[in-house]
Amino acid sequence: MTDLSEELRMPTPCPSCGSHRVRVSEVHNPDNKVFCSSCNTYRGIYSEFEEELRTAPKSEKERLIEEAVNKKDS
């Protein structure tokens, strides 16, 4: 069976391990769960993750990293 998830980069690190990478469903339903790719900690639901990507304050360097990583994985 094919894995129906993808990895993206969050602006905020995981509180458990510090990783910025998360695993989300490729379907992108607003109520789908989001997990840390490194330690599998539950990070929230996709709609919260999407809102954080749009509104989280970040430096120019952080914005460019996220843009490059998330574009490459899509």
C-alpha atoms as a PDB file:
ATOM      1  CA  MET A   1       0.000   0.000   0.000  1.00  0.00           C
ATOM      2  CA  THR A   2       1.286   3.456  -0.903  1.00  0.00           C
ATOM      3  CA  ASP A   3       2.110   5.961   1.833  1.00  0.00           C
ATOM      4  CA  LEU A   4      -0.369   8.835   1.495  1.00  0.00           C
ATOM      5  CA  SER A   5       1.647  11.347   3.489  1.00  0.00           C
ATOM      6  CA  GLU A   6       4.188  14.025   2.664  1.00  0.00           C
ATOM      7  CA  GLU A   7       6.777  15.930   4.669  1.00  0.00           C
ATOM      8  CA  LEU A   8       6.736  19.705   5.029  1.00  0.00           C
ATOM      9  CA  ARG A   9       8.687  22.223   7.090  1.00  0.00           C
ATOM     10  CA  MET A  10       6.967  24.138   9.891  1.00  0.00           C
ATOM     11  CA  PRO A  11       8.143  27.578  11.028  1.00  0.00           C
ATOM     12  CA  THR A  12       8.151  26.425  14.668  1.00  0.00           C
ATOM     13  CA  PRO A  13      10.172  23.482  15.958  1.00  0.00           C
ATOM     14  CA  CYS A  14       8.716  20.399  17.608  1.00  0.00           C
ATOM     15  CA  PRO A  15       8.537  20.943  21.389  1.00  0.00           C
ATOM     16  CA  SER A  16       9.820  17.400  21.979  1.00  0.00           C
ATOM     17  CA  CYS A  17      12.804  17.126  19.615  1.00  0.00           C
ATOM     18  CA  GLY A  18      13.310  20.509  17.908  1.00  0.00           C
ATOM     19  CA  SER A  19      12.729  19.281  14.342  1.00  0.00           C
ATOM     20  CA  HIS A  20      10.926  21.575  11.894  1.00  0.00           C
ATOM     21  CA  ARG A  21       9.801  18.681   9.644  1.00  0.00           C
ATOM     22  CA  VAL A  22       6.221  17.399   9.877  1.00  0.00           C
ATOM     23  CA  ARG A  23       4.288  14.619   8.177  1.00  0.00           C
ATOM     24  CA  VAL A  24       0.856  15.483   6.767  1.00  0.00           C
ATOM     25  CA  SER A  25      -1.692  13.655   4.651  1.00  0.00           C
ATOM     26  CA  GLU A  26      -1.439  14.348   0.911  1.00  0.00           C
ATOM     27  CA  VAL A  27      -5.219  14.874   0.953  1.00  0.00           C
ATOM     28  CA  HIS A  28      -4.852  18.049   3.107  1.00  0.00           C
ATOM     29  CA  ASN A  29      -8.197  17.725   4.887  1.00  0.00           C
ATOM     30  CA  PRO A  30      -8.504  20.496   7.507  1.00  0.00           C
ATOM     31  CA  ASP A  31      -9.073  17.996  10.341  1.00  0.00           C
ATOM     32  CA  ASN A  32      -6.193  15.614   9.468  1.00  0.00           C
ATOM     33  CA  LYS A  33      -3.560  15.151  12.167  1.00  0.00           C
ATOM     34  CA  VAL A  34      -0.018  16.521  11.735  1.00  0.00           C
ATOM     35  CA  PHE A  35       2.927  14.650  13.284  1.00  0.00           C
ATOM     36  CA  CYS A  36       6.617  15.434  13.777  1.00  0.00           C
ATOM     37  CA  SER A  37       8.654  13.499  11.196  1.00  0.00           C
ATOM     38  CA  SER A  38      11.478  12.827  13.657  1.00  0.00           C
ATOM     39  CA  CYS A  39       9.794  11.737  16.899  1.00  0.00           C
ATOM     40  CA  ASN A  40       6.180  11.205  15.747  1.00  0.00           C
ATOM     41  CA  THR A  41       4.787  13.681  18.296  1.00  0.00           C
ATOM     42  CA  TYR A  42       1.302  14.931  17.480  1.00  0.00           C
ATOM     43  CA  ARG A  43       1.666  18.599  16.407  1.00  0.00           C
ATOM     44  CA  GLY A  44      -1.973  19.527  15.733  1.00  0.00           C
ATOM     45  CA  ILE A  45      -4.433  19.461  12.854  1.00  0.00           C
ATOM     46  CA  TYR A  46      -3.775  20.468   9.259  1.00  0.00           C
ATOM     47  CA  SER A  47      -5.918  23.628   9.374  1.00  0.00           C
ATOM     48  CA  GLU A  48      -3.790  24.930  12.309  1.00  0.00           C
ATOM     49  CA  PHE A  49      -0.598  24.020  10.455  1.00  0.00           C
ATOM     50  CA  GLU A  50      -1.799  25.822   7.322  1.00  0.00           C
ATOM     51  CA  GLU A  51      -2.686  28.922   9.362  1.00  0.00           C
ATOM     52  CA  GLU A  52       0.744  28.880  11.030  1.00  0.00           C
ATOM     53  CA  LEU A  53       2.472  28.726   7.635  1.00  0.00           C
ATOM     54  CA  ARG A  54       0.524  31.808   6.504  1.00  0.00           C
ATOM     55  CA  THR A  55       0.771  33.919   9.638  1.00  0.00           C
ATOM     56  CA  ALA A  56       3.864  32.939  11.628  1.00  0.00           C
ATOM     57  CA  PRO A  57       6.396  35.767  11.816  1.00  0.00           C
ATOM     58  CA  LYS A  58       9.741  34.701  10.383  1.00  0.00           C
ATOM     59  CA  SER A  59      12.997  36.110   9.197  1.00  0.00           C
ATOM     60  CA  GLU A  60      13.822  36.355   5.509  1.00  0.00           C
ATOM     61  CA  LYS A  61      16.250  33.452   5.923  1.00  0.00           C
ATOM     62  CA  GLU A  62      13.579  31.249   7.542  1.00  0.00           C
ATOM     63  CA  ARG A  63      11.041  32.184   4.838  1.00  0.00           C
ATOM     64  CA  LEU A  64      13.456  31.209   2.054  1.00  0.00           C
ATOM     65  CA  ILE A  65      14.299  27.885   3.705  1.00  0.00           C
ATOM     66  CA  GLU A  66      10.612  26.994   4.119  1.00  0.00           C
ATOM     67  CA  GLU A  67       9.787  28.039   0.577  1.00  0.00           C
ATOM     68  CA  ALA A  68      12.599  25.909  -0.882  1.00  0.00           C
ATOM     69  CA  VAL A  69      11.933  22.834   1.260  1.00  0.00           C
ATOM     70  CA  ASN A  70       8.145  22.853   0.903  1.00  0.00           C
ATOM     71  CA  LYS A  71       8.326  23.487  -2.848  1.00  0.00           C
ATOM     72  CA  LYS A  72      10.824  20.654  -3.379  1.00  0.00           C
ATOM     73  CA  ASP A  73       8.653  18.168  -1.468  1.00  0.00           C
ATOM     74  CA  SER A  74       5.402  19.078  -3.224  1.00  0.00           C
END
